[in-house]
Amino acid sequence: MPWDEHGDPLARRLYAASAGNLGWYRNMLVGLRKRGDTDDEIVAAWVQFVAAQFPTPQGVYEWREVQIRFLKMDGQWPQQETQNRATA
């Protein structure tokens, strides 16, 4: 990536996990981190969230819709939802 040495490491990891289809802005990253999860947990949740999309997003507009849904999850990451159902 042209900005390997610059920018937020979380933004770079999320960008890579979306196969280079999405940019992540500072305010998005701040919001994700306010939830109290580590960068590793955020990336793992994003990877799992994207993998659950069917069909796989095609084009920037579909990827942006997936990104918006992820940002609106309010910290209920996919693995947490699965764990909550298992303990209920």
PDB file of N, CA and C in Angstrom:
ATOM      1  N   MET A   1       0.846  -1.178   0.000  1.00  0.00           N
ATOM      2  CA  MET A   1       0.000   0.000   0.000  1.00  0.00           C
ATOM      3  C   MET A   1       0.892   1.242   0.000  1.00  0.00           C
ATOM      4  N   PRO A   2       0.434   2.285  -0.609  1.00  0.00           N
ATOM      5  CA  PRO A   2       1.273   3.477  -0.668  1.00  0.00           C
ATOM      6  C   PRO A   2       1.483   4.136   0.687  1.00  0.00           C
ATOM      7  N   TRP A   3       0.663   3.832   1.670  1.00  0.00           N
ATOM      8  CA  TRP A   3       0.779   4.489   2.970  1.00  0.00           C
ATOM      9  C   TRP A   3       1.179   3.509   4.060  1.00  0.00           C
ATOM     10  N   ASP A   4       2.002   2.485   3.711  1.00  0.00           N
ATOM     11  CA  ASP A   4       2.421   1.476   4.683  1.00  0.00           C
ATOM     12  C   ASP A   4       3.053   2.065   5.929  1.00  0.00           C
ATOM     13  N   GLU A   5       3.824   3.120   5.774  1.00  0.00           N
ATOM     14  CA  GLU A   5       4.530   3.684   6.917  1.00  0.00           C
ATOM     15  C   GLU A   5       3.752   4.801   7.597  1.00  0.00           C
ATOM     16  N   HIS A   6       2.624   5.184   7.042  1.00  0.00           N
ATOM     17  CA  HIS A   6       1.868   6.310   7.574  1.00  0.00           C
ATOM     18  C   HIS A   6       0.459   5.857   7.932  1.00  0.00           C
ATOM     19  N   GLY A   7      -0.179   6.636   8.763  1.00  0.00           N
ATOM     20  CA  GLY A   7      -1.558   6.350   9.103  1.00  0.00           C
ATOM     21  C   GLY A   7      -1.700   5.388  10.263  1.00  0.00           C
ATOM     22  N   ASP A   8      -2.917   5.172  10.611  1.00  0.00           N
ATOM     23  CA  ASP A   8      -3.259   4.336  11.746  1.00  0.00           C
ATOM     24  C   ASP A   8      -3.093   2.854  11.385  1.00  0.00           C
ATOM     25  N   PRO A   9      -2.413   2.076  12.226  1.00  0.00           N
ATOM     26  CA  PRO A   9      -2.236   0.650  11.939  1.00  0.00           C
ATOM     27  C   PRO A   9      -3.572  -0.099  11.829  1.00  0.00           C
ATOM     28  N   LEU A  10      -4.559   0.304  12.627  1.00  0.00           N
ATOM     29  CA  LEU A  10      -5.868  -0.346  12.542  1.00  0.00           C
ATOM     30  C   LEU A  10      -6.504  -0.082  11.183  1.00  0.00           C
ATOM     31  N   ALA A  11      -6.388   1.131  10.689  1.00  0.00           N
ATOM     32  CA  ALA A  11      -6.943   1.465   9.370  1.00  0.00           C
ATOM     33  C   ALA A  11      -6.293   0.611   8.290  1.00  0.00           C
ATOM     34  N   ARG A  12      -4.998   0.423   8.382  1.00  0.00           N
ATOM     35  CA  ARG A  12      -4.294  -0.400   7.391  1.00  0.00           C
ATOM     36  C   ARG A  12      -4.762  -1.843   7.457  1.00  0.00           C
ATOM     37  N   ARG A  13      -4.951  -2.355   8.654  1.00  0.00           N
ATOM     38  CA  ARG A  13      -5.377  -3.753   8.805  1.00  0.00           C
ATOM     39  C   ARG A  13      -6.809  -3.953   8.314  1.00  0.00           C
ATOM     40  N   LEU A  14      -7.699  -3.016   8.605  1.00  0.00           N
ATOM     41  CA  LEU A  14      -9.080  -3.125   8.130  1.00  0.00           C
ATOM     42  C   LEU A  14      -9.141  -2.979   6.612  1.00  0.00           C
ATOM     43  N   TYR A  15      -8.322  -2.098   6.062  1.00  0.00           N
ATOM     44  CA  TYR A  15      -8.228  -1.917   4.618  1.00  0.00           C
ATOM     45  C   TYR A  15      -7.800  -3.234   3.962  1.00  0.00           C
ATOM     46  N   ALA A  16      -6.779  -3.854   4.513  1.00  0.00           N
ATOM     47  CA  ALA A  16      -6.286  -5.121   3.970  1.00  0.00           C
ATOM     48  C   ALA A  16      -7.339  -6.217   4.089  1.00  0.00           C
ATOM     49  N   ALA A  17      -8.059  -6.241   5.206  1.00  0.00           N
ATOM     50  CA  ALA A  17      -9.077  -7.269   5.424  1.00  0.00           C
ATOM     51  C   ALA A  17     -10.276  -7.107   4.494  1.00  0.00           C
ATOM     52  N   SER A  18     -10.428  -5.925   3.911  1.00  0.00           N
ATOM     53  CA  SER A  18     -11.510  -5.719   2.945  1.00  0.00           C
ATOM     54  C   SER A  18     -10.969  -5.803   1.516  1.00  0.00           C
ATOM     55  N   ALA A  19      -9.819  -6.430   1.363  1.00  0.00           N
ATOM     56  CA  ALA A  19      -9.186  -6.615   0.050  1.00  0.00           C
ATOM     57  C   ALA A  19      -8.959  -5.275  -0.648  1.00  0.00           C
ATOM     58  N   GLY A  20      -8.699  -4.240   0.132  1.00  0.00           N
ATOM     59  CA  GLY A  20      -8.415  -2.927  -0.437  1.00  0.00           C
ATOM     60  C   GLY A  20      -9.629  -2.198  -0.976  1.00  0.00           C
ATOM     61  N   ASN A  21     -10.807  -2.589  -0.536  1.00  0.00           N
ATOM     62  CA  ASN A  21     -12.032  -1.977  -1.042  1.00  0.00           C
ATOM     63  C   ASN A  21     -12.552  -0.820  -0.208  1.00  0.00           C
ATOM     64  N   LEU A  22     -12.042  -0.653   1.005  1.00  0.00           N
ATOM     65  CA  LEU A  22     -12.588   0.382   1.895  1.00  0.00           C
ATOM     66  C   LEU A  22     -11.496   1.164   2.588  1.00  0.00           C
ATOM     67  N   GLY A  23     -11.680   2.457   2.645  1.00  0.00           N
ATOM     68  CA  GLY A  23     -10.848   3.297   3.482  1.00  0.00           C
ATOM     69  C   GLY A  23     -11.543   3.499   4.824  1.00  0.00           C
ATOM     70  N   TRP A  24     -10.767   3.722   5.843  1.00  0.00           N
ATOM     71  CA  TRP A  24     -11.305   3.933   7.185  1.00  0.00           C
ATOM     72  C   TRP A  24     -10.832   5.286   7.680  1.00  0.00           C
ATOM     73  N   TYR A  25     -11.760   6.112   8.075  1.00  0.00           N
ATOM     74  CA  TYR A  25     -11.452   7.464   8.522  1.00  0.00           C
ATOM     75  C   TYR A  25     -11.205   7.490  10.022  1.00  0.00           C
ATOM     76  N   ARG A  26     -10.500   8.515  10.459  1.00  0.00           N
ATOM     77  CA  ARG A  26     -10.127   8.649  11.868  1.00  0.00           C
ATOM     78  C   ARG A  26     -11.335   8.553  12.797  1.00  0.00           C
ATOM     79  N   ASN A  27     -12.419   9.249  12.465  1.00  0.00           N
ATOM     80  CA  ASN A  27     -13.587   9.225  13.351  1.00  0.00           C
ATOM     81  C   ASN A  27     -14.189   7.818  13.451  1.00  0.00           C
ATOM     82  N   MET A  28     -14.107   7.034  12.395  1.00  0.00           N
ATOM     83  CA  MET A  28     -14.599   5.652  12.446  1.00  0.00           C
ATOM     84  C   MET A  28     -13.754   4.830  13.420  1.00  0.00           C
ATOM     85  N   LEU A  29     -12.453   5.000  13.334  1.00  0.00           N
ATOM     86  CA  LEU A  29     -11.549   4.245  14.200  1.00  0.00           C
ATOM     87  C   LEU A  29     -11.714   4.649  15.657  1.00  0.00           C
ATOM     88  N   VAL A  30     -11.895   5.933  15.893  1.00  0.00           N
ATOM     89  CA  VAL A  30     -12.130   6.414  17.258  1.00  0.00           C
ATOM     90  C   VAL A  30     -13.391   5.765  17.818  1.00  0.00           C
ATOM     91  N   GLY A  31     -14.449   5.735  17.022  1.00  0.00           N
ATOM     92  CA  GLY A  31     -15.698   5.115  17.461  1.00  0.00           C
ATOM     93  C   GLY A  31     -15.545   3.639  17.757  1.00  0.00           C
ATOM     94  N   LEU A  32     -14.808   2.929  16.905  1.00  0.00           N
ATOM     95  CA  LEU A  32     -14.587   1.500  17.135  1.00  0.00           C
ATOM     96  C   LEU A  32     -13.786   1.265  18.410  1.00  0.00           C
ATOM     97  N   ARG A  33     -12.775   2.079  18.626  1.00  0.00           N
ATOM     98  CA  ARG A  33     -11.932   1.888  19.815  1.00  0.00           C
ATOM     99  C   ARG A  33     -12.642   2.286  21.101  1.00  0.00           C
ATOM    100  N   LYS A  34     -13.597   3.198  21.026  1.00  0.00           N
ATOM    101  CA  LYS A  34     -14.328   3.615  22.236  1.00  0.00           C
ATOM    102  C   LYS A  34     -15.106   2.453  22.840  1.00  0.00           C
ATOM    103  N   ARG A  35     -15.355   1.449  22.077  1.00  0.00           N
ATOM    104  CA  ARG A  35     -16.099   0.280  22.566  1.00  0.00           C
ATOM    105  C   ARG A  35     -15.285  -0.550  23.553  1.00  0.00           C
ATOM    106  N   GLY A  36     -13.962  -0.286  23.600  1.00  0.00           N
ATOM    107  CA  GLY A  36     -13.126  -0.957  24.587  1.00  0.00           C
ATOM    108  C   GLY A  36     -12.424  -2.203  24.089  1.00  0.00           C
ATOM    109  N   ASP A  37     -12.582  -2.541  22.814  1.00  0.00           N
ATOM    110  CA  ASP A  37     -11.921  -3.722  22.273  1.00  0.00           C
ATOM    111  C   ASP A  37     -10.528  -3.368  21.773  1.00  0.00           C
ATOM    112  N   THR A  38      -9.667  -4.375  21.733  1.00  0.00           N
ATOM    113  CA  THR A  38      -8.330  -4.171  21.193  1.00  0.00           C
ATOM    114  C   THR A  38      -8.413  -4.111  19.664  1.00  0.00           C
ATOM    115  N   ASP A  39      -7.352  -3.626  19.054  1.00  0.00           N
ATOM    116  CA  ASP A  39      -7.312  -3.599  17.593  1.00  0.00           C
ATOM    117  C   ASP A  39      -7.455  -5.006  17.017  1.00  0.00           C
ATOM    118  N   ASP A  40      -6.822  -5.990  17.664  1.00  0.00           N
ATOM    119  CA  ASP A  40      -6.932  -7.374  17.193  1.00  0.00           C
ATOM    120  C   ASP A  40      -8.379  -7.859  17.230  1.00  0.00           C
ATOM    121  N   GLU A  41      -9.102  -7.526  18.290  1.00  0.00           N
ATOM    122  CA  GLU A  41     -10.508  -7.933  18.395  1.00  0.00           C
ATOM    123  C   GLU A  41     -11.367  -7.247  17.341  1.00  0.00           C
ATOM    124  N   ILE A  42     -11.073  -5.988  17.068  1.00  0.00           N
ATOM    125  CA  ILE A  42     -11.830  -5.248  16.050  1.00  0.00           C
ATOM    126  C   ILE A  42     -11.594  -5.868  14.674  1.00  0.00           C
ATOM    127  N   VAL A  43     -10.346  -6.152  14.366  1.00  0.00           N
ATOM    128  CA  VAL A  43     -10.028  -6.749  13.062  1.00  0.00           C
ATOM    129  C   VAL A  43     -10.668  -8.127  12.943  1.00  0.00           C
ATOM    130  N   ALA A  44     -10.586  -8.927  13.994  1.00  0.00           N
ATOM    131  CA  ALA A  44     -11.192 -10.262  13.956  1.00  0.00           C
ATOM    132  C   ALA A  44     -12.705 -10.168  13.746  1.00  0.00           C
ATOM    133  N   ALA A  45     -13.340  -9.221  14.411  1.00  0.00           N
ATOM    134  CA  ALA A  45     -14.784  -9.033  14.245  1.00  0.00           C
ATOM    135  C   ALA A  45     -15.113  -8.597  12.824  1.00  0.00           C
ATOM    136  N   TRP A  46     -14.311  -7.699  12.258  1.00  0.00           N
ATOM    137  CA  TRP A  46     -14.528  -7.230  10.885  1.00  0.00           C
ATOM    138  C   TRP A  46     -14.380  -8.391   9.888  1.00  0.00           C
ATOM    139  N   VAL A  47     -13.334  -9.194  10.067  1.00  0.00           N
ATOM    140  CA  VAL A  47     -13.107 -10.335   9.170  1.00  0.00           C
ATOM    141  C   VAL A  47     -14.291 -11.296   9.235  1.00  0.00           C
ATOM    142  N   GLN A  48     -14.760 -11.580  10.435  1.00  0.00           N
ATOM    143  CA  GLN A  48     -15.897 -12.489  10.591  1.00  0.00           C
ATOM    144  C   GLN A  48     -17.169 -11.865  10.013  1.00  0.00           C
ATOM    145  N   PHE A  49     -17.360 -10.592  10.221  1.00  0.00           N
ATOM    146  CA  PHE A  49     -18.542  -9.894   9.707  1.00  0.00           C
ATOM    147  C   PHE A  49     -18.557  -9.925   8.178  1.00  0.00           C
ATOM    148  N   VAL A  50     -17.424  -9.648   7.570  1.00  0.00           N
ATOM    149  CA  VAL A  50     -17.336  -9.667   6.105  1.00  0.00           C
ATOM    150  C   VAL A  50     -17.565 -11.078   5.579  1.00  0.00           C
ATOM    151  N   ALA A  51     -16.996 -12.073   6.244  1.00  0.00           N
ATOM    152  CA  ALA A  51     -17.156 -13.461   5.803  1.00  0.00           C
ATOM    153  C   ALA A  51     -18.616 -13.907   5.840  1.00  0.00           C
ATOM    154  N   ALA A  52     -19.397 -13.298   6.724  1.00  0.00           N
ATOM    155  CA  ALA A  52     -20.816 -13.673   6.859  1.00  0.00           C
ATOM    156  C   ALA A  52     -21.701 -13.013   5.807  1.00  0.00           C
ATOM    157  N   GLN A  53     -21.143 -12.104   5.020  1.00  0.00           N
ATOM    158  CA  GLN A  53     -21.947 -11.405   4.012  1.00  0.00           C
ATOM    159  C   GLN A  53     -22.181 -12.322   2.822  1.00  0.00           C
ATOM    160  N   PHE A  54     -23.424 -12.420   2.405  1.00  0.00           N
ATOM    161  CA  PHE A  54     -23.745 -13.196   1.209  1.00  0.00           C
ATOM    162  C   PHE A  54     -24.770 -12.441   0.411  1.00  0.00           C
ATOM    163  N   PRO A  55     -24.507 -12.196  -0.808  1.00  0.00           N
ATOM    164  CA  PRO A  55     -23.267 -12.489  -1.531  1.00  0.00           C
ATOM    165  C   PRO A  55     -22.149 -11.545  -1.112  1.00  0.00           C
ATOM    166  N   THR A  56     -20.937 -11.904  -1.472  1.00  0.00           N
ATOM    167  CA  THR A  56     -19.788 -11.066  -1.174  1.00  0.00           C
ATOM    168  C   THR A  56     -19.976  -9.697  -1.813  1.00  0.00           C
ATOM    169  N   PRO A  57     -19.723  -8.634  -1.068  1.00  0.00           N
ATOM    170  CA  PRO A  57     -19.899  -7.284  -1.632  1.00  0.00           C
ATOM    171  C   PRO A  57     -19.097  -7.097  -2.914  1.00  0.00           C
ATOM    172  N   GLN A  58     -19.724  -6.447  -3.873  1.00  0.00           N
ATOM    173  CA  GLN A  58     -19.081  -6.136  -5.156  1.00  0.00           C
ATOM    174  C   GLN A  58     -19.154  -4.630  -5.358  1.00  0.00           C
ATOM    175  N   GLY A  59     -18.052  -4.015  -5.524  1.00  0.00           N
ATOM    176  CA  GLY A  59     -18.035  -2.581  -5.772  1.00  0.00           C
ATOM    177  C   GLY A  59     -18.041  -1.770  -4.493  1.00  0.00           C
ATOM    178  N   VAL A  60     -17.660  -0.521  -4.650  1.00  0.00           N
ATOM    179  CA  VAL A  60     -17.466   0.361  -3.506  1.00  0.00           C
ATOM    180  C   VAL A  60     -18.765   0.623  -2.747  1.00  0.00           C
ATOM    181  N   TYR A  61     -19.882   0.739  -3.431  1.00  0.00           N
ATOM    182  CA  TYR A  61     -21.127   1.057  -2.735  1.00  0.00           C
ATOM    183  C   TYR A  61     -21.608  -0.096  -1.861  1.00  0.00           C
ATOM    184  N   GLU A  62     -21.485  -1.309  -2.325  1.00  0.00           N
ATOM    185  CA  GLU A  62     -21.853  -2.457  -1.498  1.00  0.00           C
ATOM    186  C   GLU A  62     -20.905  -2.601  -0.303  1.00  0.00           C
ATOM    187  N   TRP A  63     -19.610  -2.364  -0.535  1.00  0.00           N
ATOM    188  CA  TRP A  63     -18.660  -2.419   0.569  1.00  0.00           C
ATOM    189  C   TRP A  63     -18.969  -1.343   1.609  1.00  0.00           C
ATOM    190  N   ARG A  64     -19.343  -0.162   1.162  1.00  0.00           N
ATOM    191  CA  ARG A  64     -19.673   0.922   2.108  1.00  0.00           C
ATOM    192  C   ARG A  64     -20.902   0.554   2.940  1.00  0.00           C
ATOM    193  N   GLU A  65     -21.890  -0.099   2.331  1.00  0.00           N
ATOM    194  CA  GLU A  65     -23.063  -0.540   3.092  1.00  0.00           C
ATOM    195  C   GLU A  65     -22.663  -1.523   4.180  1.00  0.00           C
ATOM    196  N   VAL A  66     -21.776  -2.440   3.860  1.00  0.00           N
ATOM    197  CA  VAL A  66     -21.290  -3.406   4.854  1.00  0.00           C
ATOM    198  C   VAL A  66     -20.539  -2.669   5.965  1.00  0.00           C
ATOM    199  N   GLN A  67     -19.721  -1.710   5.588  1.00  0.00           N
ATOM    200  CA  GLN A  67     -18.961  -0.928   6.567  1.00  0.00           C
ATOM    201  C   GLN A  67     -19.910  -0.187   7.511  1.00  0.00           C
ATOM    202  N   ILE A  68     -20.934   0.424   6.980  1.00  0.00           N
ATOM    203  CA  ILE A  68     -21.892   1.171   7.806  1.00  0.00           C
ATOM    204  C   ILE A  68     -22.614   0.236   8.769  1.00  0.00           C
ATOM    205  N   ARG A  69     -23.039  -0.925   8.289  1.00  0.00           N
ATOM    206  CA  ARG A  69     -23.709  -1.896   9.182  1.00  0.00           C
ATOM    207  C   ARG A  69     -22.767  -2.318  10.304  1.00  0.00           C
ATOM    208  N   PHE A  70     -21.498  -2.524   9.986  1.00  0.00           N
ATOM    209  CA  PHE A  70     -20.517  -2.911  10.998  1.00  0.00           C
ATOM    210  C   PHE A  70     -20.331  -1.811  12.034  1.00  0.00           C
ATOM    211  N   LEU A  71     -20.240  -0.576  11.569  1.00  0.00           N
ATOM    212  CA  LEU A  71     -20.055   0.551  12.484  1.00  0.00           C
ATOM    213  C   LEU A  71     -21.263   0.756  13.390  1.00  0.00           C
ATOM    214  N   LYS A  72     -22.439   0.364  12.939  1.00  0.00           N
ATOM    215  CA  LYS A  72     -23.663   0.537  13.733  1.00  0.00           C
ATOM    216  C   LYS A  72     -23.930  -0.627  14.682  1.00  0.00           C
ATOM    217  N   MET A  73     -23.058  -1.609  14.721  1.00  0.00           N
ATOM    218  CA  MET A  73     -23.289  -2.794  15.552  1.00  0.00           C
ATOM    219  C   MET A  73     -23.217  -2.503  17.036  1.00  0.00           C
ATOM    220  N   ASP A  74     -22.729  -1.350  17.415  1.00  0.00           N
ATOM    221  CA  ASP A  74     -22.668  -0.928  18.819  1.00  0.00           C
ATOM    222  C   ASP A  74     -21.927  -1.926  19.703  1.00  0.00           C
ATOM    223  N   GLY A  75     -20.824  -2.440  19.185  1.00  0.00           N
ATOM    224  CA  GLY A  75     -19.976  -3.306  20.003  1.00  0.00           C
ATOM    225  C   GLY A  75     -20.437  -4.735  20.118  1.00  0.00           C
ATOM    226  N   GLN A  76     -21.540  -5.094  19.521  1.00  0.00           N
ATOM    227  CA  GLN A  76     -21.982  -6.485  19.545  1.00  0.00           C
ATOM    228  C   GLN A  76     -21.338  -7.222  18.385  1.00  0.00           C
ATOM    229  N   TRP A  77     -20.075  -7.584  18.567  1.00  0.00           N
ATOM    230  CA  TRP A  77     -19.355  -8.268  17.510  1.00  0.00           C
ATOM    231  C   TRP A  77     -19.965  -9.639  17.267  1.00  0.00           C
ATOM    232  N   PRO A  78     -19.788 -10.164  16.095  1.00  0.00           N
ATOM    233  CA  PRO A  78     -20.365 -11.468  15.756  1.00  0.00           C
ATOM    234  C   PRO A  78     -19.987 -12.578  16.722  1.00  0.00           C
ATOM    235  N   GLN A  79     -18.712 -12.678  17.125  1.00  0.00           N
ATOM    236  CA  GLN A  79     -18.327 -13.755  18.037  1.00  0.00           C
ATOM    237  C   GLN A  79     -18.966 -13.580  19.403  1.00  0.00           C
ATOM    238  N   GLN A  80     -19.205 -12.334  19.827  1.00  0.00           N
ATOM    239  CA  GLN A  80     -19.859 -12.096  21.102  1.00  0.00           C
ATOM    240  C   GLN A  80     -21.316 -12.530  21.042  1.00  0.00           C
ATOM    241  N   GLU A  81     -21.978 -12.289  19.931  1.00  0.00           N
ATOM    242  CA  GLU A  81     -23.353 -12.719  19.785  1.00  0.00           C
ATOM    243  C   GLU A  81     -23.439 -14.239  19.868  1.00  0.00           C
ATOM    244  N   THR A  82     -22.491 -14.928  19.233  1.00  0.00           N
ATOM    245  CA  THR A  82     -22.466 -16.386  19.265  1.00  0.00           C
ATOM    246  C   THR A  82     -22.235 -16.871  20.686  1.00  0.00           C
ATOM    247  N   GLN A  83     -21.307 -16.246  21.402  1.00  0.00           N
ATOM    248  CA  GLN A  83     -21.032 -16.637  22.778  1.00  0.00           C
ATOM    249  C   GLN A  83     -22.241 -16.400  23.664  1.00  0.00           C
ATOM    250  N   ASN A  84     -22.939 -15.261  23.452  1.00  0.00           N
ATOM    251  CA  ASN A  84     -24.109 -14.960  24.252  1.00  0.00           C
ATOM    252  C   ASN A  84     -25.200 -15.999  24.038  1.00  0.00           C
ATOM    253  N   ARG A  85     -25.407 -16.441  22.806  1.00  0.00           N
ATOM    254  CA  ARG A  85     -26.421 -17.460  22.535  1.00  0.00           C
ATOM    255  C   ARG A  85     -26.038 -18.794  23.168  1.00  0.00           C
ATOM    256  N   ALA A  86     -24.736 -19.095  23.205  1.00  0.00           N
ATOM    257  CA  ALA A  86     -24.284 -20.358  23.764  1.00  0.00           C
ATOM    258  C   ALA A  86     -24.475 -20.403  25.268  1.00  0.00           C
ATOM    259  N   THR A  87     -24.390 -19.243  25.939  1.00  0.00           N
ATOM    260  CA  THR A  87     -24.513 -19.220  27.396  1.00  0.00           C
ATOM    261  C   THR A  87     -25.951 -19.013  27.848  1.00  0.00           C
ATOM    262  N   ALA A  88     -26.836 -18.657  26.916  1.00  0.00           N
ATOM    263  CA  ALA A  88     -28.233 -18.389  27.278  1.00  0.00           C
ATOM    264  C   ALA A  88     -29.016 -19.666  27.489  1.00  0.00           C
TER     265      ALA A  88
END
